[in-house]
């Protein structure tokens, strides 16, 4: 009997289960917060925007500190930004932490861009935060942004208007901005 393989398989099964469970919990949180945002939006229309202050005071006492005024406003903004989207298809593919980062952005097309790259590249919250901080979307030429908004496929010339050949003597497969900067500095004489 190979105990190592049995132990390894049990641990792998456990990891898969916990990730599926975490995904399911996070998916449920996003849907719940979207629905709460909708209810807050409707309640604000009926009773006035001060309803969030009243609800947050009561929720903090009855449920916990994390349901404060700021959190409730974020849920409402989340609903307002994505109220035209199909919740179960698009919104549940990222975590609430991802959406908190995206809610600071005012341009809807920019938000959609970051959602798509997060989904397609399986970005963590920190990686998404780095892309937002570096203004990746704003650095893309306007023509290319328009193509992105129309869901057209971008080619290298859309993303790099004036291509430059850089020696990759270390044979990096994935090149981040920091790696690119290092490669340029190593071969600064050719520029």
N, C-alpha and C. Protein backbone atom coordinates (compact mmCIF):
# COMPACT_ATOMS: atom_id res chain seq x y z
N UNK A 1 0.84 -1.17 0.00
CA UNK A 1 0.00 0.00 0.00
C UNK A 1 0.90 1.25 0.00
N UNK A 2 0.60 2.20 -0.89
CA UNK A 2 1.38 3.42 -0.98
C UNK A 2 0.66 4.52 -0.19
N UNK A 3 1.09 4.72 1.04
CA UNK A 3 0.44 5.69 1.92
C UNK A 3 0.65 7.13 1.44
N UNK A 4 1.82 7.38 0.90
CA UNK A 4 2.09 8.73 0.43
C UNK A 4 1.06 9.16 -0.62
N UNK A 5 0.83 8.31 -1.62
CA UNK A 5 -0.13 8.65 -2.67
C UNK A 5 -1.54 8.82 -2.12
N UNK A 6 -1.92 7.99 -1.16
CA UNK A 6 -3.24 8.12 -0.54
C UNK A 6 -3.35 9.45 0.20
N UNK A 7 -2.31 9.77 0.96
CA UNK A 7 -2.30 11.03 1.70
C UNK A 7 -2.34 12.21 0.73
N UNK A 8 -1.51 12.13 -0.30
CA UNK A 8 -1.45 13.20 -1.30
C UNK A 8 -2.80 13.38 -1.97
N UNK A 9 -3.45 12.29 -2.39
CA UNK A 9 -4.76 12.37 -3.04
C UNK A 9 -5.82 12.96 -2.13
N UNK A 10 -5.77 12.58 -0.85
CA UNK A 10 -6.73 13.13 0.11
C UNK A 10 -6.52 14.64 0.26
N UNK A 11 -5.26 15.06 0.34
CA UNK A 11 -4.97 16.49 0.46
C UNK A 11 -5.39 17.26 -0.79
N UNK A 12 -5.14 16.67 -1.96
CA UNK A 12 -5.56 17.32 -3.21
C UNK A 12 -7.08 17.44 -3.26
N UNK A 13 -7.77 16.37 -2.89
CA UNK A 13 -9.24 16.43 -2.84
C UNK A 13 -9.71 17.52 -1.89
N UNK A 14 -9.04 17.62 -0.75
CA UNK A 14 -9.41 18.64 0.23
C UNK A 14 -9.19 20.05 -0.32
N UNK A 15 -8.06 20.25 -0.99
CA UNK A 15 -7.77 21.56 -1.58
C UNK A 15 -8.81 21.94 -2.63
N UNK A 16 -9.15 21.00 -3.48
CA UNK A 16 -10.16 21.24 -4.51
C UNK A 16 -11.49 21.59 -3.86
N UNK A 17 -11.87 20.82 -2.86
CA UNK A 17 -13.15 21.07 -2.17
C UNK A 17 -13.15 22.45 -1.53
N UNK A 18 -12.04 22.81 -0.86
CA UNK A 18 -12.02 24.11 -0.18
C UNK A 18 -12.06 25.25 -1.18
N UNK A 19 -11.41 25.08 -2.33
CA UNK A 19 -11.45 26.14 -3.35
C UNK A 19 -12.83 26.26 -3.96
N UNK A 20 -13.48 25.14 -4.20
CA UNK A 20 -14.84 25.18 -4.73
C UNK A 20 -15.76 25.82 -3.70
N UNK A 21 -15.57 25.45 -2.44
CA UNK A 21 -16.39 26.01 -1.38
C UNK A 21 -16.14 27.52 -1.26
N UNK A 22 -14.85 27.94 -1.31
CA UNK A 22 -14.53 29.36 -1.25
C UNK A 22 -15.14 30.11 -2.43
N UNK A 23 -15.04 29.54 -3.62
CA UNK A 23 -15.63 30.16 -4.80
C UNK A 23 -17.13 30.30 -4.62
N UNK A 24 -17.76 29.26 -4.10
CA UNK A 24 -19.20 29.28 -3.89
C UNK A 24 -19.59 30.35 -2.86
N UNK A 25 -18.81 30.45 -1.79
CA UNK A 25 -19.09 31.47 -0.76
C UNK A 25 -18.93 32.86 -1.35
N UNK A 26 -17.86 33.07 -2.10
CA UNK A 26 -17.59 34.39 -2.68
C UNK A 26 -18.65 34.75 -3.71
N UNK A 27 -19.06 33.78 -4.49
CA UNK A 27 -20.12 33.99 -5.48
C UNK A 27 -21.41 34.39 -4.79
N UNK A 28 -21.72 33.72 -3.70
CA UNK A 28 -22.94 34.03 -2.93
C UNK A 28 -22.85 35.44 -2.34
N UNK A 29 -21.66 35.82 -1.86
CA UNK A 29 -21.47 37.15 -1.29
C UNK A 29 -21.72 38.23 -2.34
N UNK A 30 -21.18 38.04 -3.54
CA UNK A 30 -21.35 39.03 -4.61
C UNK A 30 -22.83 39.17 -4.97
N UNK A 31 -23.51 38.06 -5.12
CA UNK A 31 -24.94 38.10 -5.46
C UNK A 31 -25.73 38.77 -4.33
N UNK A 32 -25.43 38.41 -3.10
CA UNK A 32 -26.14 38.98 -1.95
C UNK A 32 -25.93 40.48 -1.88
N UNK A 33 -24.70 40.94 -2.05
CA UNK A 33 -24.42 42.38 -1.98
C UNK A 33 -25.07 43.12 -3.13
N UNK A 34 -25.15 42.50 -4.29
CA UNK A 34 -25.85 43.11 -5.42
C UNK A 34 -27.34 43.28 -5.08
N UNK A 35 -27.94 42.24 -4.52
CA UNK A 35 -29.36 42.29 -4.15
C UNK A 35 -29.60 43.31 -3.04
N UNK A 36 -28.68 43.41 -2.08
CA UNK A 36 -28.81 44.41 -1.02
C UNK A 36 -28.70 45.81 -1.63
N UNK A 37 -27.78 45.99 -2.57
CA UNK A 37 -27.65 47.27 -3.26
C UNK A 37 -28.93 47.65 -3.97
N UNK A 38 -29.59 46.68 -4.57
CA UNK A 38 -30.87 46.95 -5.24
C UNK A 38 -31.92 47.38 -4.23
N UNK A 39 -31.99 46.67 -3.10
CA UNK A 39 -32.96 47.03 -2.06
C UNK A 39 -32.68 48.42 -1.49
N UNK A 40 -31.40 48.73 -1.27
CA UNK A 40 -31.04 50.06 -0.76
C UNK A 40 -31.41 51.14 -1.77
N UNK A 41 -31.21 50.85 -3.04
CA UNK A 41 -31.57 51.80 -4.09
C UNK A 41 -33.07 52.06 -4.09
N UNK A 42 -33.84 50.99 -3.99
CA UNK A 42 -35.30 51.13 -3.97
C UNK A 42 -35.76 51.84 -2.71
N UNK A 43 -35.18 51.49 -1.56
CA UNK A 43 -35.56 52.11 -0.29
C UNK A 43 -35.20 53.59 -0.30
N UNK A 44 -34.05 53.94 -0.89
CA UNK A 44 -33.65 55.34 -0.98
C UNK A 44 -34.61 56.15 -1.84
N UNK A 45 -35.11 55.53 -2.89
CA UNK A 45 -36.09 56.21 -3.75
C UNK A 45 -37.41 56.42 -3.05
N UNK A 46 -37.75 55.50 -2.18
CA UNK A 46 -39.04 55.57 -1.49
C UNK A 46 -38.97 56.42 -0.22
N UNK A 47 -37.87 56.26 0.55
CA UNK A 47 -37.78 56.92 1.86
C UNK A 47 -36.71 58.00 1.94
N UNK A 48 -35.93 58.19 0.90
CA UNK A 48 -34.85 59.17 0.93
C UNK A 48 -33.50 58.51 1.20
N UNK A 49 -32.44 59.19 0.82
CA UNK A 49 -31.10 58.62 0.95
C UNK A 49 -30.62 58.49 2.39
N UNK A 50 -31.28 59.13 3.33
CA UNK A 50 -30.87 59.01 4.73
C UNK A 50 -31.17 57.62 5.28
N UNK A 51 -31.86 56.83 4.51
CA UNK A 51 -32.20 55.47 4.96
C UNK A 51 -30.95 54.63 5.20
N UNK A 52 -29.89 54.89 4.43
CA UNK A 52 -28.64 54.14 4.60
C UNK A 52 -28.04 54.42 5.97
N UNK A 53 -28.10 55.68 6.41
CA UNK A 53 -27.59 56.02 7.74
C UNK A 53 -28.35 55.26 8.82
N UNK A 54 -29.65 55.27 8.70
CA UNK A 54 -30.48 54.58 9.70
C UNK A 54 -30.22 53.07 9.67
N UNK A 55 -30.22 52.48 8.48
CA UNK A 55 -30.00 51.03 8.37
C UNK A 55 -28.62 50.64 8.88
N UNK A 56 -27.61 51.45 8.56
CA UNK A 56 -26.25 51.10 8.99
C UNK A 56 -26.13 51.13 10.51
N UNK A 57 -26.75 52.13 11.16
CA UNK A 57 -26.71 52.18 12.62
C UNK A 57 -27.32 50.92 13.22
N UNK A 58 -28.45 50.51 12.68
CA UNK A 58 -29.14 49.34 13.20
C UNK A 58 -28.37 48.04 12.90
N UNK A 59 -27.84 47.94 11.67
CA UNK A 59 -27.11 46.72 11.29
C UNK A 59 -25.82 46.55 12.07
N UNK A 60 -25.13 47.65 12.35
CA UNK A 60 -23.89 47.57 13.13
C UNK A 60 -24.19 47.01 14.52
N UNK A 61 -25.28 47.43 15.11
CA UNK A 61 -25.66 46.96 16.45
C UNK A 61 -26.13 45.51 16.40
N UNK A 62 -26.97 45.19 15.42
CA UNK A 62 -27.61 43.87 15.39
C UNK A 62 -26.76 42.78 14.74
N UNK A 63 -25.92 43.12 13.75
CA UNK A 63 -25.17 42.08 13.03
C UNK A 63 -23.67 42.21 13.22
N UNK A 64 -23.14 43.42 13.07
CA UNK A 64 -21.70 43.59 13.23
C UNK A 64 -21.18 44.86 12.59
N UNK A 65 -19.96 45.22 12.97
CA UNK A 65 -19.35 46.48 12.53
C UNK A 65 -19.14 46.58 11.03
N UNK A 66 -18.96 45.45 10.37
CA UNK A 66 -18.62 45.52 8.95
C UNK A 66 -19.77 46.00 8.06
N UNK A 67 -20.97 46.08 8.61
CA UNK A 67 -22.11 46.56 7.82
C UNK A 67 -22.39 48.02 8.15
N UNK A 68 -21.34 48.82 8.11
CA UNK A 68 -21.45 50.24 8.41
C UNK A 68 -21.94 51.02 7.20
N UNK A 69 -22.02 52.31 7.36
CA UNK A 69 -22.53 53.21 6.31
C UNK A 69 -21.73 53.07 5.02
N UNK A 70 -20.42 53.03 5.15
CA UNK A 70 -19.53 52.94 3.98
C UNK A 70 -19.79 51.66 3.19
N UNK A 71 -19.93 50.54 3.88
CA UNK A 71 -20.17 49.26 3.22
C UNK A 71 -21.51 49.28 2.49
N UNK A 72 -22.52 49.83 3.13
CA UNK A 72 -23.84 49.89 2.50
C UNK A 72 -23.83 50.80 1.26
N UNK A 73 -23.09 51.90 1.33
CA UNK A 73 -22.97 52.76 0.15
C UNK A 73 -22.25 52.03 -0.98
N UNK A 74 -21.24 51.23 -0.64
CA UNK A 74 -20.54 50.45 -1.67
C UNK A 74 -21.48 49.45 -2.32
N UNK A 75 -22.33 48.80 -1.53
CA UNK A 75 -23.29 47.84 -2.09
C UNK A 75 -24.26 48.55 -3.03
N UNK A 76 -24.70 49.74 -2.62
CA UNK A 76 -25.63 50.50 -3.47
C UNK A 76 -24.93 50.92 -4.77
N UNK A 77 -23.69 51.38 -4.65
CA UNK A 77 -22.95 51.78 -5.86
C UNK A 77 -22.70 50.57 -6.76
N UNK A 78 -22.40 49.43 -6.15
CA UNK A 78 -22.21 48.19 -6.90
C UNK A 78 -23.44 47.89 -7.73
N UNK A 79 -24.60 47.99 -7.13
CA UNK A 79 -25.84 47.75 -7.87
C UNK A 79 -26.01 48.80 -8.97
N UNK A 80 -25.78 50.07 -8.64
CA UNK A 80 -25.99 51.13 -9.63
C UNK A 80 -25.06 50.98 -10.83
N UNK A 81 -23.83 50.57 -10.59
CA UNK A 81 -22.87 50.42 -11.69
C UNK A 81 -23.23 49.23 -12.58
N UNK A 82 -23.67 48.13 -11.95
CA UNK A 82 -23.88 46.89 -12.70
C UNK A 82 -25.34 46.49 -12.84
N UNK A 83 -26.25 47.40 -12.65
CA UNK A 83 -27.67 47.04 -12.69
C UNK A 83 -28.12 46.56 -14.07
N UNK A 84 -27.39 46.90 -15.12
CA UNK A 84 -27.76 46.46 -16.47
C UNK A 84 -27.15 45.12 -16.85
N UNK A 85 -26.30 44.58 -16.00
CA UNK A 85 -25.61 43.33 -16.32
C UNK A 85 -26.40 42.13 -15.81
N UNK A 86 -26.13 40.99 -16.41
CA UNK A 86 -26.69 39.75 -15.90
C UNK A 86 -25.82 39.31 -14.74
N UNK A 87 -26.38 39.35 -13.56
CA UNK A 87 -25.60 39.14 -12.35
C UNK A 87 -24.91 37.79 -12.32
N UNK A 88 -25.62 36.75 -12.59
CA UNK A 88 -25.04 35.42 -12.43
C UNK A 88 -23.95 35.12 -13.44
N UNK A 89 -24.00 35.74 -14.61
CA UNK A 89 -22.99 35.41 -15.61
C UNK A 89 -21.71 36.19 -15.42
N UNK A 90 -21.79 37.49 -15.41
CA UNK A 90 -20.57 38.29 -15.39
C UNK A 90 -20.07 38.56 -13.98
N UNK A 91 -20.94 38.99 -13.10
CA UNK A 91 -20.50 39.50 -11.81
C UNK A 91 -19.95 38.44 -10.87
N UNK A 92 -20.38 37.25 -10.99
CA UNK A 92 -19.95 36.22 -10.04
C UNK A 92 -18.60 35.61 -10.40
N UNK A 93 -17.95 36.13 -11.42
CA UNK A 93 -16.66 35.58 -11.82
C UNK A 93 -15.49 36.24 -11.09
N UNK A 94 -15.77 37.31 -10.35
CA UNK A 94 -14.73 37.96 -9.55
C UNK A 94 -15.19 38.01 -8.09
N UNK A 95 -14.26 38.32 -7.22
CA UNK A 95 -14.60 38.38 -5.80
C UNK A 95 -15.06 39.79 -5.43
N UNK A 96 -15.65 39.89 -4.25
CA UNK A 96 -16.09 41.19 -3.76
C UNK A 96 -14.88 42.12 -3.61
N UNK A 97 -13.74 41.59 -3.23
CA UNK A 97 -12.53 42.41 -3.09
C UNK A 97 -12.13 43.02 -4.43
N UNK A 98 -12.29 42.27 -5.51
CA UNK A 98 -12.02 42.82 -6.85
C UNK A 98 -12.97 43.99 -7.12
N UNK A 99 -14.24 43.80 -6.81
CA UNK A 99 -15.22 44.84 -7.10
C UNK A 99 -15.01 46.08 -6.25
N UNK A 100 -14.53 45.92 -5.03
CA UNK A 100 -14.24 47.10 -4.21
C UNK A 100 -13.19 47.97 -4.88
N UNK A 101 -12.20 47.34 -5.51
CA UNK A 101 -11.19 48.10 -6.25
C UNK A 101 -11.81 48.80 -7.45
N UNK A 102 -12.69 48.10 -8.14
CA UNK A 102 -13.28 48.63 -9.37
C UNK A 102 -14.28 49.76 -9.10
N UNK A 103 -14.89 49.76 -7.92
CA UNK A 103 -15.89 50.79 -7.62
C UNK A 103 -15.29 52.18 -7.50
N UNK A 104 -13.97 52.28 -7.35
CA UNK A 104 -13.32 53.59 -7.28
C UNK A 104 -13.17 54.22 -8.66
N UNK A 105 -13.43 53.46 -9.71
CA UNK A 105 -13.29 53.94 -11.09
C UNK A 105 -14.64 54.47 -11.56
N UNK A 106 -14.62 55.63 -12.21
CA UNK A 106 -15.88 56.25 -12.66
C UNK A 106 -16.25 55.89 -14.10
N UNK A 107 -15.30 55.51 -14.91
CA UNK A 107 -15.54 55.19 -16.32
C UNK A 107 -15.98 53.73 -16.45
N UNK A 108 -17.21 53.53 -16.93
CA UNK A 108 -17.77 52.19 -17.04
C UNK A 108 -16.95 51.31 -17.98
N UNK A 109 -16.50 51.86 -19.10
CA UNK A 109 -15.70 51.08 -20.06
C UNK A 109 -14.39 50.62 -19.41
N UNK A 110 -13.82 51.47 -18.58
CA UNK A 110 -12.59 51.10 -17.89
C UNK A 110 -12.85 49.96 -16.90
N UNK A 111 -13.98 50.02 -16.21
CA UNK A 111 -14.35 48.96 -15.28
C UNK A 111 -14.49 47.64 -16.03
N UNK A 112 -15.17 47.66 -17.15
CA UNK A 112 -15.38 46.45 -17.95
C UNK A 112 -14.04 45.91 -18.45
N UNK A 113 -13.14 46.81 -18.85
CA UNK A 113 -11.81 46.38 -19.28
C UNK A 113 -11.11 45.60 -18.16
N UNK A 114 -11.11 46.16 -16.96
CA UNK A 114 -10.43 45.50 -15.84
C UNK A 114 -11.13 44.20 -15.43
N UNK A 115 -12.43 44.15 -15.57
CA UNK A 115 -13.15 42.90 -15.28
C UNK A 115 -12.71 41.83 -16.27
N UNK A 116 -12.66 42.19 -17.54
CA UNK A 116 -12.29 41.22 -18.57
C UNK A 116 -10.86 40.72 -18.41
N UNK A 117 -9.92 41.62 -18.13
CA UNK A 117 -8.55 41.13 -17.97
C UNK A 117 -8.41 40.33 -16.68
N UNK A 118 -9.19 40.67 -15.67
CA UNK A 118 -9.14 39.89 -14.43
C UNK A 118 -9.65 38.48 -14.66
N UNK A 119 -10.73 38.37 -15.41
CA UNK A 119 -11.29 37.04 -15.71
C UNK A 119 -10.36 36.26 -16.61
N UNK A 120 -9.92 36.89 -17.70
CA UNK A 120 -9.12 36.19 -18.70
C UNK A 120 -7.75 35.78 -18.18
N UNK A 121 -7.17 36.60 -17.30
CA UNK A 121 -5.83 36.32 -16.80
C UNK A 121 -5.84 35.79 -15.37
N UNK A 122 -7.03 35.58 -14.83
CA UNK A 122 -7.19 35.04 -13.48
C UNK A 122 -6.36 35.85 -12.48
N UNK A 123 -6.56 37.18 -12.52
CA UNK A 123 -5.78 38.07 -11.67
C UNK A 123 -6.23 38.01 -10.22
N UNK A 124 -5.27 38.09 -9.34
CA UNK A 124 -5.58 38.22 -7.93
C UNK A 124 -5.98 39.67 -7.66
N UNK A 125 -6.46 39.92 -6.48
CA UNK A 125 -6.82 41.28 -6.11
C UNK A 125 -5.61 42.20 -6.19
N UNK A 126 -4.48 41.75 -5.71
CA UNK A 126 -3.26 42.56 -5.72
C UNK A 126 -2.81 42.85 -7.15
N UNK A 127 -2.88 41.87 -8.03
CA UNK A 127 -2.48 42.08 -9.43
C UNK A 127 -3.40 43.09 -10.10
N UNK A 128 -4.70 42.99 -9.81
CA UNK A 128 -5.64 43.95 -10.37
C UNK A 128 -5.34 45.35 -9.83
N UNK A 129 -5.06 45.43 -8.56
CA UNK A 129 -4.74 46.71 -7.94
C UNK A 129 -3.51 47.35 -8.62
N UNK A 130 -2.51 46.54 -8.92
CA UNK A 130 -1.32 47.05 -9.60
C UNK A 130 -1.66 47.58 -10.98
N UNK A 131 -2.51 46.88 -11.71
CA UNK A 131 -2.90 47.33 -13.05
C UNK A 131 -3.68 48.64 -12.98
N UNK A 132 -4.55 48.76 -11.99
CA UNK A 132 -5.33 49.99 -11.84
C UNK A 132 -4.41 51.14 -11.46
N UNK A 133 -3.48 50.89 -10.52
CA UNK A 133 -2.56 51.95 -10.09
C UNK A 133 -1.66 52.40 -11.22
N UNK A 134 -1.30 51.49 -12.11
CA UNK A 134 -0.42 51.86 -13.22
C UNK A 134 -1.19 52.50 -14.38
N UNK A 135 -2.51 52.66 -14.21
CA UNK A 135 -3.37 53.26 -15.24
C UNK A 135 -3.24 52.56 -16.58
N UNK A 136 -3.23 51.24 -16.55
CA UNK A 136 -3.05 50.45 -17.76
C UNK A 136 -4.08 50.83 -18.83
N UNK A 137 -5.33 50.95 -18.44
CA UNK A 137 -6.39 51.26 -19.41
C UNK A 137 -6.16 52.63 -20.05
N UNK A 138 -5.78 53.59 -19.26
CA UNK A 138 -5.59 54.96 -19.75
C UNK A 138 -4.38 55.08 -20.67
N UNK A 139 -3.44 54.16 -20.56
CA UNK A 139 -2.24 54.19 -21.40
C UNK A 139 -2.49 53.55 -22.77
N UNK A 140 -3.59 52.85 -22.92
CA UNK A 140 -3.92 52.25 -24.21
C UNK A 140 -4.41 53.35 -25.13
N UNK A 141 -3.94 53.39 -26.39
CA UNK A 141 -4.42 54.43 -27.33
C UNK A 141 -5.94 54.40 -27.48
N UNK A 142 -6.52 55.56 -27.74
CA UNK A 142 -7.98 55.70 -27.82
C UNK A 142 -8.58 54.79 -28.88
N UNK A 143 -7.92 54.64 -30.04
CA UNK A 143 -8.41 53.73 -31.08
C UNK A 143 -8.53 52.31 -30.54
N UNK A 144 -7.53 51.90 -29.80
CA UNK A 144 -7.53 50.55 -29.24
C UNK A 144 -8.62 50.40 -28.18
N UNK A 145 -8.83 51.45 -27.39
CA UNK A 145 -9.91 51.42 -26.39
C UNK A 145 -11.27 51.25 -27.06
N UNK A 146 -11.46 51.95 -28.18
CA UNK A 146 -12.72 51.82 -28.91
C UNK A 146 -12.92 50.40 -29.41
N UNK A 147 -11.84 49.77 -29.88
CA UNK A 147 -11.93 48.37 -30.30
C UNK A 147 -12.29 47.47 -29.12
N UNK A 148 -11.69 47.75 -27.98
CA UNK A 148 -12.00 46.96 -26.78
C UNK A 148 -13.47 47.09 -26.41
N UNK A 149 -13.99 48.30 -26.50
CA UNK A 149 -15.39 48.53 -26.14
C UNK A 149 -16.35 47.80 -27.08
N UNK A 150 -15.90 47.59 -28.32
CA UNK A 150 -16.72 46.87 -29.30
C UNK A 150 -16.42 45.38 -29.31
N UNK A 151 -15.61 44.92 -28.34
CA UNK A 151 -15.21 43.52 -28.21
C UNK A 151 -14.46 43.00 -29.43
N UNK A 152 -13.72 43.88 -30.09
CA UNK A 152 -12.89 43.47 -31.22
C UNK A 152 -11.55 42.97 -30.69
N UNK A 153 -10.92 42.11 -31.45
CA UNK A 153 -9.63 41.55 -31.04
C UNK A 153 -8.53 42.56 -31.35
N UNK A 154 -7.66 42.77 -30.38
CA UNK A 154 -6.56 43.71 -30.55
C UNK A 154 -5.32 42.98 -31.04
N UNK A 155 -4.62 43.62 -31.95
CA UNK A 155 -3.35 43.08 -32.41
C UNK A 155 -2.21 43.82 -31.72
N UNK A 156 -0.98 43.37 -31.96
CA UNK A 156 0.17 44.04 -31.32
C UNK A 156 0.27 45.53 -31.67
N UNK A 157 -0.08 45.90 -32.89
CA UNK A 157 0.01 47.31 -33.29
C UNK A 157 -1.03 48.17 -32.56
N UNK A 158 -2.11 47.55 -32.09
CA UNK A 158 -3.10 48.30 -31.32
C UNK A 158 -2.58 48.65 -29.93
N UNK A 159 -1.76 47.79 -29.40
CA UNK A 159 -1.26 48.00 -28.04
C UNK A 159 0.11 48.67 -28.01
N UNK A 160 0.88 48.50 -29.10
CA UNK A 160 2.22 49.08 -29.16
C UNK A 160 2.30 49.89 -30.45
N UNK A 161 2.01 51.18 -30.39
CA UNK A 161 1.97 51.98 -31.61
C UNK A 161 3.32 52.05 -32.33
N UNK A 162 4.42 52.15 -31.61
CA UNK A 162 5.75 52.21 -32.21
C UNK A 162 6.57 51.08 -31.62
N UNK A 163 6.51 49.89 -32.24
CA UNK A 163 7.21 48.75 -31.64
C UNK A 163 8.72 48.94 -31.59
N UNK A 164 9.31 48.42 -30.53
CA UNK A 164 10.75 48.47 -30.33
C UNK A 164 11.21 47.05 -30.05
N UNK A 165 12.32 46.67 -30.63
CA UNK A 165 12.87 45.34 -30.36
C UNK A 165 13.78 45.43 -29.14
N UNK A 166 13.51 44.55 -28.20
CA UNK A 166 14.30 44.53 -26.97
C UNK A 166 14.94 43.16 -26.84
N UNK A 167 16.24 43.14 -26.57
CA UNK A 167 16.94 41.87 -26.40
C UNK A 167 16.49 41.22 -25.11
N UNK A 168 16.09 39.97 -25.22
CA UNK A 168 15.66 39.20 -24.06
C UNK A 168 16.69 38.11 -23.82
N UNK A 169 17.86 38.51 -23.35
CA UNK A 169 18.96 37.56 -23.20
C UNK A 169 18.70 36.53 -22.11
N UNK A 170 17.81 36.81 -21.18
CA UNK A 170 17.49 35.86 -20.10
C UNK A 170 16.34 34.93 -20.47
N UNK A 171 15.79 35.09 -21.66
CA UNK A 171 14.69 34.27 -22.18
C UNK A 171 13.49 34.20 -21.23
N UNK A 172 13.07 35.37 -20.76
CA UNK A 172 11.87 35.43 -19.93
C UNK A 172 10.66 35.08 -20.79
N UNK A 173 9.78 34.23 -20.28
CA UNK A 173 8.56 33.89 -21.03
C UNK A 173 7.48 34.94 -20.80
N UNK A 174 7.24 35.29 -19.54
CA UNK A 174 6.26 36.32 -19.20
C UNK A 174 7.03 37.55 -18.76
N UNK A 175 6.76 38.65 -19.42
CA UNK A 175 7.50 39.87 -19.12
C UNK A 175 6.55 40.89 -18.51
N UNK A 176 6.81 41.23 -17.26
CA UNK A 176 6.03 42.27 -16.58
C UNK A 176 6.66 43.62 -16.91
N UNK A 177 6.03 44.68 -16.45
CA UNK A 177 6.58 46.01 -16.68
C UNK A 177 7.93 46.16 -16.02
N UNK A 178 8.07 45.63 -14.82
CA UNK A 178 9.34 45.74 -14.10
C UNK A 178 10.45 44.99 -14.84
N UNK A 179 10.13 43.81 -15.37
CA UNK A 179 11.12 43.04 -16.13
C UNK A 179 11.48 43.78 -17.41
N UNK A 180 10.50 44.35 -18.05
CA UNK A 180 10.74 45.12 -19.27
C UNK A 180 11.64 46.31 -18.98
N UNK A 181 11.36 46.98 -17.89
CA UNK A 181 12.20 48.11 -17.50
C UNK A 181 13.65 47.66 -17.28
N UNK A 182 13.84 46.53 -16.62
CA UNK A 182 15.17 45.99 -16.38
C UNK A 182 15.87 45.66 -17.70
N UNK A 183 15.12 45.05 -18.64
CA UNK A 183 15.71 44.70 -19.94
C UNK A 183 16.12 45.95 -20.72
N UNK A 184 15.32 46.99 -20.65
CA UNK A 184 15.66 48.23 -21.34
C UNK A 184 16.91 48.85 -20.73
N UNK A 185 16.96 48.86 -19.40
CA UNK A 185 18.14 49.45 -18.73
C UNK A 185 19.41 48.66 -19.02
N UNK A 186 19.28 47.34 -19.19
CA UNK A 186 20.44 46.52 -19.51
C UNK A 186 20.99 46.82 -20.91
N UNK A 187 20.08 47.23 -21.81
CA UNK A 187 20.49 47.48 -23.20
C UNK A 187 20.20 48.92 -23.59
N UNK A 188 20.45 49.84 -22.68
CA UNK A 188 20.12 51.25 -22.90
C UNK A 188 20.88 51.86 -24.09
N UNK A 189 22.02 51.35 -24.41
CA UNK A 189 22.83 51.90 -25.50
C UNK A 189 22.12 51.79 -26.85
N UNK A 190 21.29 50.78 -27.05
CA UNK A 190 20.63 50.60 -28.34
C UNK A 190 19.43 51.54 -28.51
N UNK A 191 19.08 52.28 -27.49
CA UNK A 191 17.97 53.22 -27.60
C UNK A 191 18.52 54.58 -27.90
